[in-house]
Every structure is written in C-alpha cells, then in structure tokens.
Amino acid sequence: MRVLIIGSGGREHALAWSIARSPLLTKLFVAPGNPGTAALAENVYLRTTDIPAIVSFGLAQKIDLVIPGPEAPLVAGIADALAAAGIACCGPSAAAAALEGSKKFTKEIADRAHIPTAAWASFTHAEEAHEYIEAVGAPIVIKADGLAAGKGVVVATTLDEAHDAVTAIMEDKIHGAAGALVVIEECLVGEEISVFALCDGEEAVYFGAAADHKRVGEGDTGPNTGGMGAIFSPPWATPEVVEQSMARVIRPALREMARRGTPFRGFLFAGLMVGEDGVKLIEFNVRFGDPECETVLPMLASDLLAALQAATNGTLRDIKLDWRPGSAATVVMCAKGYPGAYATGSEIYGLEEAGRIEGVNIFHAGTCAEQNGILANGGRVLAVNAVGATLREALSRAYAAIDTLDWEDGFCRRDIGKSALHA
C-alpha cells in the first residue's frame, strides 16, 4: 500500500513509526512531516489544509490510503474531496467532523442519543452568557464552540474567571471566529480519561484509553495547552469503565451519526469524566489525540495499517487488536514561554543517546533540521515516550531520557502520571 499521512507533529511521527512496520506498506509519505518522520518516510511539503494540492498529490502518486492527523483538514472536508477523487481516507466527512468542529453540535448529538453529559447552554451574545453565569454560579466551564487548538476551554472556579473567559472569547475574540458562539457547561467532578475507538461507520473497535495532562503547570495549574503528557492506561480506566464508555457513549454516537446520514469513519476520541455515577461525555474529537497517540501506539501489537484499512472499507468486524502487556508514559518537552509567546531556533543535543535508553521512543512534535542539528521550531517540541512493565518503570525511563537531553530553552512537567501512581 502507498500511504500518505497528513501532519507535522508528534502524533504524525508516531503514526509513521507504527505504519512503517506494516508488511502491507510499500511506500510512505508524510506531508509536511518533520525530522523524525524523515527517517521513516518521504516528507512532502504540502500544507495540511491545502486540500486541492493533497488530492493532486494523491492522484499523481497513486496513494491507496490517506491518514489525516490533525482536526483542521478533516473539519475542512479533506475526506470528502479525497472520496470524490477515488482515494480512500481514514477520517470522517466534514459533516461527521462537526463532532469536533462544533461543541454545540456535540451536545446536541449527546442529547439526541441519550449520552450522559454535563448540563449545558449555548450563547451567541456575550451579555446573555454573562447573565447565565450569574444565574448558575461557579465552578463552571466555558468553551469556544469552534476549533481553538486545544486552548478554547476554560474551567472557571470563580464567577470572575467565568466572566473573564466569556469576555476574552466572545468580545476580545482571542480564538477568532471559533468563539462567536460559546457553550457553557456544568463542571463535572471525577477523573478524566481519553477513550479511543476506530470506526467504520457502523462498527467501533476499542483503541485504548489514556489520561492526558492538559495544564502547563505541575499540580494541574496554569492555562490549558495542547497536552503536556499522557499515560496508558490509567488505573481508573477499569474494564467496567471501558465497557461503559463504548456502550453508553461511543456506540450511541455512532448510531446517531449513521441515522443522520453522516456515518462516522476514522478515530473517534471521547473525552470522558469518570465519576461516582459512571462516565459522562466532556467532548468528542474526530482524530487520534496528541500526546495520547504517542502513548497508545507503542503498546499496540497488531498491524495498525491493516486496522486503518479495515476502517475505510467497512470490515472492522473482522479486526481483533492485540496489546502488549505493561504501561506507557509520554512527557512533552516544550519551549520556554509555551503556551504563550516562545522563541524558536535553539538546538537540542543528546537525542540519539536519549533514544537508546531501553523502552524509549522520542517523537518529534515541533522541530526542524539545520546543518545536521535539530532545532526547536514550535511550542510543543518533543514527545518523549517510554514503555515499561509498570507505569512507574515507564515514567522512570521517560524522565531518564529527558535528563539525557541538553536543551537549555526547554521545559516539561515533572509530575506526569503522579496521581495515577498513588491511585
């Protein structure tokens, strides 16, 4: 199979790392890729949202399967354009991708499919949103309706924080058009997990559970980021919780999307809160999570490409996934200043030595290559993954790799997985 992965981050590096092992693969491209994917595939300079150029490349190169990593091209309709050109794509149509493209749409699907979720309301006028906050009180969750690179959600513990969030999103327009509408939700209490399912429109296959660490500071403090680290599998993702997630959230959503004539294909990512009364939906995403992808895939023993092919041709019922024993952890290294302003261009030393530590995989998330050196070229720069017999061993290996690196302008959280170790 000739395969094209769309994206340039740690998720796409992990996808390439896994797919490169498949006996089904004959040629792998990544667009635009990064220095990590360059060691596994041919990088092609195409912008992830330049859908006509991607379709043209797919036709010229006789691509058998396109795998979009990020959400933006999916929401923009890349799967529809590829389908029209006769190219298979492991990802949802634009209509189905609205599950991530609109928080309000997700809540409407949840209500229609009887999926347990937080009480909510939506607003297009800031004044009405402020009045609602005063009426219901805090803590409360404020969400920009559209795509905001993982930074459009504010968990407000006070009324002032809630009002400030509405002002920033709706009046100051810090997320642009994504904040023209806000969803305001009840603040759920419990342990958060990310549950993944691979879907073919009718069938859904469980694809692992992870716990992401969204806030930039240790102890879950500071602003939300795109993800500072993840663990597989958190102790609160028990077999009962996984079964609830599939039975009460994933499969009802799949049925409702099919009922609407917009069947969902690809990775469906449910952000869930595990509380005393079971699981409740926080949000849907329509692609593999990042850094969860870098955490889950090293534990997959099955052929990823075969599973993705089955999701595109409607034969997931014939797929059984096998998983390696043990645990995995990923710690994300970021440029100082992230998620605010940060500098790029500093060189990172010690990558080869760190990558030789047993069980360690270093996925490039925001790097570039220059004069045989690797430079930081983003906010989240490296996803340092490790696997081990236990979570403690996986974390120890990941932090040992980080301590081997020499990058003066980088930082990471030192408490990834800490709560799980004591759960």
Protein backbone atom coordinates (compact mmCIF):
# COMPACT_ATOMS: atom_id res chain seq x y z
CA MET A 1 0.00 0.00 0.00
CA ARG A 2 1.10 3.54 -0.77
CA VAL A 3 0.17 5.68 2.23
CA LEU A 4 0.12 9.44 2.90
CA ILE A 5 -0.02 10.81 6.46
CA ILE A 6 -1.11 14.45 6.84
CA GLY A 7 0.52 16.48 9.61
CA SER A 8 3.82 17.54 11.15
CA GLY A 9 3.64 16.80 14.88
CA GLY A 10 4.38 14.09 17.39
CA ARG A 11 1.13 12.31 16.57
CA GLU A 12 2.10 12.03 12.91
CA HIS A 13 5.61 10.85 13.81
CA ALA A 14 4.05 8.12 15.99
CA LEU A 15 1.65 7.12 13.20
CA ALA A 16 4.55 6.90 10.75
CA TRP A 17 6.63 4.91 13.27
CA SER A 18 3.83 2.37 13.65
CA ILE A 19 2.78 2.16 9.99
CA ALA A 20 6.39 1.80 8.80
CA ARG A 21 6.40 -1.64 10.47
CA SER A 22 3.45 -2.95 8.47
CA PRO A 23 4.08 -5.69 5.88
CA LEU A 24 1.28 -4.12 3.85
CA LEU A 25 3.28 -0.91 3.29
CA THR A 26 5.16 -0.30 0.06
CA LYS A 27 5.72 3.47 0.25
CA LEU A 28 5.08 6.03 2.99
CA PHE A 29 4.78 9.80 2.59
CA VAL A 30 4.21 12.42 5.30
CA ALA A 31 3.05 15.94 4.48
CA PRO A 32 4.68 18.12 5.58
CA GLY A 33 6.32 15.89 8.20
CA ASN A 34 9.28 16.71 10.44
CA PRO A 35 12.86 15.49 11.01
CA GLY A 36 11.52 12.46 12.89
CA THR A 37 9.25 11.32 10.07
CA ALA A 38 12.06 11.93 7.55
CA ALA A 39 13.85 8.89 8.98
CA LEU A 40 10.83 6.68 8.26
CA ALA A 41 9.16 8.15 5.19
CA GLU A 42 9.46 10.68 2.40
CA ASN A 43 8.45 14.12 3.61
CA VAL A 44 6.46 16.17 1.13
CA TYR A 45 5.93 19.89 1.52
CA LEU A 46 2.16 20.28 1.42
CA ARG A 47 0.16 22.46 3.80
CA THR A 48 -2.24 20.36 5.85
CA THR A 49 -5.23 22.50 4.79
CA ASP A 50 -4.30 22.76 1.09
CA ILE A 51 -6.85 20.16 0.11
CA PRO A 52 -6.59 20.57 -3.70
CA ALA A 53 -2.81 20.08 -3.54
CA ILE A 54 -3.18 17.00 -1.34
CA VAL A 55 -5.73 15.48 -3.73
CA SER A 56 -3.47 16.21 -6.71
CA PHE A 57 -0.52 14.59 -4.96
CA GLY A 58 -2.63 11.58 -4.04
CA LEU A 59 -3.67 11.06 -7.66
CA ALA A 60 -0.17 11.60 -9.05
CA GLN A 61 1.42 9.20 -6.57
CA LYS A 62 -1.38 6.61 -6.74
CA ILE A 63 -1.93 6.83 -2.99
CA ASP A 64 -4.02 3.96 -1.60
CA LEU A 65 -4.80 5.49 1.79
CA VAL A 66 -4.61 8.99 3.31
CA ILE A 67 -4.43 9.32 7.09
CA PRO A 68 -5.11 12.87 8.35
CA GLY A 69 -3.55 13.52 11.75
CA PRO A 70 -4.92 16.93 12.86
CA GLU A 71 -8.53 18.02 13.02
CA ALA A 72 -8.43 21.13 10.80
CA PRO A 73 -8.26 19.36 7.41
CA LEU A 74 -10.99 16.94 8.50
CA VAL A 75 -13.33 19.75 9.51
CA ALA A 76 -12.46 21.48 6.21
CA GLY A 77 -13.60 18.43 4.23
CA ILE A 78 -10.44 16.60 3.17
CA ALA A 79 -12.17 13.20 3.40
CA ASP A 80 -14.96 14.37 1.08
CA ALA A 81 -12.51 15.74 -1.50
CA LEU A 82 -10.43 12.56 -1.45
CA ALA A 83 -13.53 10.37 -1.78
CA ALA A 84 -14.63 12.39 -4.81
CA ALA A 85 -11.23 11.67 -6.37
CA GLY A 86 -11.45 7.96 -5.57
CA ILE A 87 -8.81 8.00 -2.82
CA ALA A 88 -9.50 6.23 0.46
CA CYS A 89 -9.21 8.33 3.62
CA CYS A 90 -9.23 7.11 7.21
CA GLY A 91 -11.15 10.02 8.61
CA PRO A 92 -14.68 11.42 8.82
CA SER A 93 -16.51 13.57 6.31
CA ALA A 94 -16.85 17.27 7.05
CA ALA A 95 -20.41 16.65 8.25
CA ALA A 96 -19.26 13.96 10.69
CA ALA A 97 -16.22 16.01 11.73
CA ALA A 98 -18.64 18.58 13.17
CA LEU A 99 -18.41 16.41 16.30
CA GLU A 100 -15.16 18.30 16.92
CA GLY A 101 -15.76 21.37 14.81
CA SER A 102 -18.72 22.47 16.96
CA LYS A 103 -19.09 21.95 20.71
CA LYS A 104 -22.80 22.78 20.39
CA PHE A 105 -23.26 20.08 17.75
CA THR A 106 -21.64 17.52 20.05
CA LYS A 107 -24.01 18.43 22.89
CA GLU A 108 -26.99 18.13 20.54
CA ILE A 109 -25.83 14.68 19.43
CA ALA A 110 -25.34 13.65 23.06
CA ASP A 111 -28.86 14.77 23.97
CA ARG A 112 -30.41 13.04 20.96
CA ALA A 113 -28.50 9.78 21.56
CA HIS A 114 -29.06 9.85 25.34
CA ILE A 115 -25.33 10.03 26.03
CA PRO A 116 -24.65 11.14 29.62
CA THR A 117 -23.05 14.59 29.62
CA ALA A 118 -22.93 17.83 31.59
CA ALA A 119 -25.89 20.23 31.67
CA TRP A 120 -25.29 22.98 29.12
CA ALA A 121 -26.44 26.09 27.32
CA SER A 122 -25.10 27.98 24.31
CA PHE A 123 -24.90 31.70 23.57
CA THR A 124 -24.11 33.99 20.65
CA HIS A 125 -24.38 37.19 22.70
CA ALA A 126 -21.90 37.92 25.48
CA GLU A 127 -24.47 39.75 27.61
CA GLU A 128 -26.70 36.68 27.77
CA ALA A 129 -23.72 34.47 28.60
CA HIS A 130 -22.77 36.78 31.49
CA GLU A 131 -26.33 36.68 32.80
CA TYR A 132 -26.38 32.88 32.67
CA ILE A 133 -23.13 32.68 34.63
CA GLU A 134 -24.61 34.88 37.35
CA ALA A 135 -27.67 32.66 37.48
CA VAL A 136 -25.91 29.28 37.76
CA GLY A 137 -22.71 30.24 39.62
CA ALA A 138 -19.25 28.69 39.66
CA PRO A 139 -17.35 26.44 39.15
CA ILE A 140 -18.41 26.36 35.54
CA VAL A 141 -16.87 25.53 32.16
CA ILE A 142 -16.67 27.99 29.26
CA LYS A 143 -15.98 26.59 25.77
CA ALA A 144 -15.41 28.28 22.43
CA ASP A 145 -17.68 26.46 20.00
CA GLY A 146 -15.14 26.02 17.19
CA LEU A 147 -11.57 24.79 16.81
CA ALA A 148 -9.08 26.53 19.08
CA ALA A 149 -6.02 24.21 19.03
CA GLY A 150 -6.91 22.66 22.37
CA LYS A 151 -6.94 26.02 24.14
CA GLY A 152 -10.61 27.01 23.84
CA VAL A 153 -11.81 25.61 27.16
CA VAL A 154 -11.69 27.44 30.49
CA VAL A 155 -12.59 25.69 33.76
CA ALA A 156 -13.60 28.71 35.84
CA THR A 157 -13.52 28.21 39.60
CA THR A 158 -14.94 31.67 40.34
CA LEU A 159 -17.52 33.98 38.78
CA ASP A 160 -14.80 36.48 37.88
CA GLU A 161 -12.86 33.80 35.99
CA ALA A 162 -16.00 32.79 34.14
CA HIS A 163 -16.86 36.36 33.16
CA ASP A 164 -13.26 36.98 32.08
CA ALA A 165 -13.37 33.86 29.89
CA VAL A 166 -16.56 34.99 28.13
CA THR A 167 -15.09 38.46 27.59
CA ALA A 168 -11.85 37.05 26.18
CA ILE A 169 -13.57 34.55 23.87
CA MET A 170 -16.62 36.49 22.69
CA GLU A 171 -15.62 40.14 22.96
CA ASP A 172 -11.82 40.15 22.62
CA LYS A 173 -12.07 37.29 20.10
CA ILE A 174 -8.86 35.57 21.24
CA HIS A 175 -9.88 32.49 19.22
CA GLY A 176 -11.31 34.40 16.29
CA ALA A 177 -14.47 33.05 14.68
CA ALA A 178 -14.25 29.90 16.82
CA GLY A 179 -15.54 31.97 19.73
CA ALA A 180 -18.54 33.55 18.03
CA LEU A 181 -20.65 31.07 20.00
CA VAL A 182 -19.83 29.71 23.44
CA VAL A 183 -21.07 26.63 25.23
CA ILE A 184 -21.32 26.95 28.99
CA GLU A 185 -21.42 23.71 30.96
CA GLU A 186 -21.80 22.27 34.39
CA CYS A 187 -18.37 21.47 35.86
CA LEU A 188 -18.05 17.70 36.16
CA VAL A 189 -16.11 16.11 39.01
CA GLY A 190 -14.00 12.94 38.84
CA GLU A 191 -11.05 11.53 36.92
CA GLU A 192 -10.68 12.42 33.26
CA ILE A 193 -9.80 9.89 30.57
CA SER A 194 -9.43 9.83 26.80
CA VAL A 195 -11.08 6.78 25.21
CA PHE A 196 -10.37 5.98 21.57
CA ALA A 197 -12.36 3.93 19.10
CA LEU A 198 -11.66 3.12 15.47
CA CYS A 199 -14.89 3.29 13.48
CA ASP A 200 -16.04 2.25 10.00
CA GLY A 201 -19.46 3.93 10.02
CA GLU A 202 -21.21 1.02 11.72
CA GLU A 203 -18.69 -0.85 13.86
CA ALA A 204 -16.44 0.55 16.59
CA VAL A 205 -13.31 -1.16 17.92
CA TYR A 206 -11.86 -0.04 21.26
CA PHE A 207 -8.44 1.54 20.63
CA GLY A 208 -7.12 2.22 24.10
CA ALA A 209 -7.56 4.70 26.94
CA ALA A 210 -5.14 7.31 28.20
CA ALA A 211 -5.02 10.16 30.70
CA ASP A 212 -3.84 13.47 29.25
CA HIS A 213 -2.29 16.28 31.34
CA LYS A 214 -3.66 19.45 29.80
CA ARG A 215 -2.44 22.28 32.02
CA VAL A 216 1.03 23.71 31.63
CA GLY A 217 1.99 23.70 35.33
CA GLU A 218 2.66 20.94 37.81
CA GLY A 219 -0.26 20.06 40.01
CA ASP A 220 -2.55 20.81 37.05
CA THR A 221 -2.07 24.56 37.34
CA GLY A 222 -1.90 27.31 34.75
CA PRO A 223 -3.56 27.59 31.35
CA ASN A 224 -4.64 24.69 29.16
CA THR A 225 -2.22 23.53 26.49
CA GLY A 226 -2.32 21.04 23.65
CA GLY A 227 -1.18 18.41 26.16
CA MET A 228 1.87 18.14 28.42
CA GLY A 229 1.96 14.36 28.73
CA ALA A 230 -0.13 11.22 28.93
CA ILE A 231 -0.20 7.74 30.46
CA PHE A 232 -1.56 4.40 29.23
CA SER A 233 -3.63 3.03 30.77
CA PRO A 234 -4.75 5.00 33.85
CA PRO A 235 -5.94 2.89 36.81
CA TRP A 236 -9.40 4.45 36.69
CA ALA A 237 -9.88 3.13 33.12
CA THR A 238 -11.12 -0.18 34.51
CA PRO A 239 -12.71 -2.83 32.26
CA GLU A 240 -16.11 -1.69 33.57
CA VAL A 241 -15.37 1.94 32.70
CA VAL A 242 -14.17 0.97 29.23
CA GLU A 243 -17.32 -1.06 28.62
CA GLN A 244 -19.48 1.85 29.82
CA SER A 245 -17.58 4.19 27.51
CA MET A 246 -18.22 2.03 24.47
CA ALA A 247 -21.82 1.12 25.35
CA ARG A 248 -23.08 4.49 26.62
CA VAL A 249 -21.00 6.97 24.60
CA ILE A 250 -19.15 5.67 21.53
CA ARG A 251 -21.72 3.29 20.04
CA PRO A 252 -24.77 5.54 20.64
CA ALA A 253 -22.93 8.40 18.93
CA LEU A 254 -22.04 6.13 16.02
CA ARG A 255 -25.68 5.06 15.64
CA GLU A 256 -26.95 8.64 15.77
CA MET A 257 -24.44 9.82 13.15
CA ALA A 258 -25.45 6.95 10.87
CA ARG A 259 -29.15 7.76 11.44
CA ARG A 260 -28.47 11.33 10.25
CA GLY A 261 -26.87 10.05 7.07
CA THR A 262 -23.39 11.14 8.13
CA PRO A 263 -21.70 7.89 9.24
CA PHE A 264 -18.51 8.34 11.20
CA ARG A 265 -15.29 6.72 9.95
CA GLY A 266 -11.85 7.02 11.50
CA PHE A 267 -10.75 7.65 15.07
CA LEU A 268 -13.45 8.83 17.46
CA PHE A 269 -11.92 10.27 20.63
CA ALA A 270 -14.20 10.66 23.63
CA GLY A 271 -13.01 12.87 26.47
CA LEU A 272 -14.80 11.47 29.49
CA MET A 273 -15.18 12.19 33.20
CA VAL A 274 -15.31 9.13 35.43
CA GLY A 275 -17.38 9.98 38.49
CA GLU A 276 -19.42 8.25 41.16
CA ASP A 277 -22.33 7.76 38.76
CA GLY A 278 -20.26 6.41 35.87
CA VAL A 279 -18.87 8.06 32.75
CA LYS A 280 -20.03 11.36 31.29
CA LEU A 281 -19.01 12.89 27.98
CA ILE A 282 -16.90 16.05 28.11
CA GLU A 283 -16.21 16.36 24.39
CA PHE A 284 -15.64 14.45 21.17
CA ASN A 285 -12.63 14.77 18.91
CA VAL A 286 -12.52 13.26 15.44
CA ARG A 287 -8.89 12.12 15.30
CA PHE A 288 -6.28 10.48 17.48
CA GLY A 289 -5.27 12.62 20.45
CA ASP A 290 -1.85 14.20 20.85
CA PRO A 291 0.11 13.23 23.01
CA GLU A 292 -2.18 10.22 23.55
CA CYS A 293 -1.32 8.80 20.12
CA GLU A 294 2.38 8.74 21.04
CA THR A 295 1.44 6.95 24.26
CA VAL A 296 -1.03 4.37 22.92
CA LEU A 297 0.64 3.22 19.70
CA PRO A 298 3.83 1.83 21.32
CA MET A 299 1.52 -0.56 23.22
CA LEU A 300 -0.23 -1.83 20.07
CA ALA A 301 0.96 -5.27 18.99
CA SER A 302 -1.34 -5.50 15.94
CA ASP A 303 -0.75 -4.11 12.46
CA LEU A 304 -2.00 -0.53 12.57
CA LEU A 305 -2.21 -0.18 8.80
CA ALA A 306 -4.42 -3.26 8.50
CA ALA A 307 -6.80 -1.79 11.08
CA LEU A 308 -6.93 1.59 9.34
CA GLN A 309 -7.61 -0.10 6.01
CA ALA A 310 -10.50 -2.04 7.59
CA ALA A 311 -11.96 1.20 8.95
CA THR A 312 -12.07 2.67 5.45
CA ASN A 313 -13.61 -0.33 3.69
CA GLY A 314 -16.18 -1.32 6.32
CA THR A 315 -14.58 -4.54 7.56
CA LEU A 316 -13.71 -3.66 11.16
CA ARG A 317 -15.87 -6.57 12.34
CA ASP A 318 -13.02 -8.82 11.15
CA ILE A 319 -10.32 -6.97 13.15
CA LYS A 320 -9.14 -8.02 16.58
CA LEU A 321 -6.49 -5.84 18.18
CA ASP A 322 -3.73 -7.23 20.37
CA TRP A 323 -1.98 -5.14 23.01
CA ARG A 324 1.40 -5.51 24.66
CA PRO A 325 1.49 -6.04 28.44
CA GLY A 326 2.70 -3.23 30.68
CA SER A 327 2.28 0.53 30.66
CA ALA A 328 3.40 3.57 28.72
CA ALA A 329 4.03 7.22 29.52
CA THR A 330 4.78 10.28 27.41
CA VAL A 331 6.28 13.52 28.70
CA VAL A 332 6.10 16.53 26.37
CA MET A 333 9.04 18.93 26.23
CA CYS A 334 8.08 22.49 25.36
CA ALA A 335 9.82 25.74 24.53
CA LYS A 336 10.01 28.12 27.47
CA GLY A 337 7.05 30.51 27.40
CA TYR A 338 4.58 27.99 25.95
CA PRO A 339 1.56 28.17 25.73
CA GLY A 340 2.24 31.89 25.45
CA ALA A 341 4.97 33.52 23.37
CA TYR A 342 8.05 31.35 22.93
CA ALA A 343 11.30 31.50 21.00
CA THR A 344 12.33 29.07 18.26
CA GLY A 345 15.71 28.12 16.83
CA SER A 346 17.54 26.72 19.86
CA GLU A 347 19.44 23.48 19.25
CA ILE A 348 18.63 20.24 21.05
CA TYR A 349 21.52 17.92 21.88
CA GLY A 350 21.58 14.31 23.06
CA LEU A 351 18.63 12.94 21.08
CA GLU A 352 20.45 9.81 19.88
CA GLU A 353 21.77 8.98 23.33
CA ALA A 354 18.36 9.50 24.94
CA GLY A 355 16.70 7.34 22.30
CA ARG A 356 19.00 4.42 23.15
CA ILE A 357 17.52 4.08 26.66
CA GLU A 358 15.53 0.86 26.92
CA GLY A 359 11.86 1.28 26.07
CA VAL A 360 12.21 4.92 24.94
CA ASN A 361 10.78 6.44 21.76
CA ILE A 362 11.33 10.13 21.02
CA PHE A 363 8.70 11.60 18.73
CA HIS A 364 9.34 14.98 17.10
CA ALA A 365 6.48 17.41 17.64
CA GLY A 366 7.88 20.82 16.73
CA THR A 367 11.40 20.55 15.31
CA CYS A 368 13.36 21.36 12.18
CA ALA A 369 16.72 20.15 10.89
CA GLU A 370 19.56 22.53 10.08
CA GLN A 371 23.24 21.77 9.37
CA ASN A 372 22.94 18.26 10.85
CA GLY A 373 21.40 19.64 14.05
CA ILE A 374 17.83 19.51 15.41
CA LEU A 375 16.31 22.85 16.35
CA ALA A 376 13.18 23.73 18.29
CA ASN A 377 10.51 25.01 15.91
CA GLY A 378 7.30 25.09 17.90
CA GLY A 379 5.69 25.30 21.32
CA ARG A 380 5.44 21.58 21.99
CA VAL A 381 8.73 20.30 20.65
CA LEU A 382 9.33 16.67 21.70
CA ALA A 383 7.10 13.86 22.94
CA VAL A 384 9.34 11.57 24.99
CA ASN A 385 7.62 8.19 25.29
CA ALA A 386 8.66 5.13 27.24
CA VAL A 387 7.12 1.73 27.84
CA GLY A 388 7.72 -0.49 30.85
CA ALA A 389 6.41 -3.41 32.83
CA THR A 390 4.74 -0.91 35.17
CA LEU A 391 3.75 2.74 34.93
CA ARG A 392 6.46 3.62 37.42
CA GLU A 393 9.09 1.99 35.19
CA ALA A 394 7.75 3.72 32.07
CA LEU A 395 7.84 7.12 33.79
CA SER A 396 11.34 6.48 35.14
CA ARG A 397 12.60 5.69 31.64
CA ALA A 398 10.90 8.73 30.09
CA TYR A 399 12.39 11.12 32.63
CA ALA A 400 15.81 9.44 32.32
CA ALA A 401 15.67 10.20 28.59
CA ILE A 402 14.71 13.81 29.27
CA ASP A 403 17.59 14.18 31.72
CA THR A 404 19.93 12.91 28.99
CA LEU A 405 18.87 15.71 26.63
CA ASP A 406 20.70 19.02 26.59
CA TRP A 407 18.23 21.75 25.66
CA GLU A 408 18.61 24.98 27.57
CA ASP A 409 15.38 26.54 26.30
CA GLY A 410 13.14 23.56 27.04
CA PHE A 411 10.95 22.57 29.97
CA CYS A 412 8.50 19.83 30.94
CA ARG A 413 6.18 18.91 33.76
CA ARG A 414 7.82 16.64 36.32
CA ASP A 415 4.58 15.20 37.68
CA ILE A 416 3.16 13.36 34.67
CA GLY A 417 1.37 10.25 35.94
CA LYS A 418 1.94 11.12 39.60
CA SER A 419 -1.72 10.89 40.58
CA ALA A 420 -2.04 7.50 38.88
CA LEU A 421 0.91 6.12 40.84
CA HIS A 422 -0.98 6.85 44.06
CA ALA A 423 -4.48 5.91 42.85
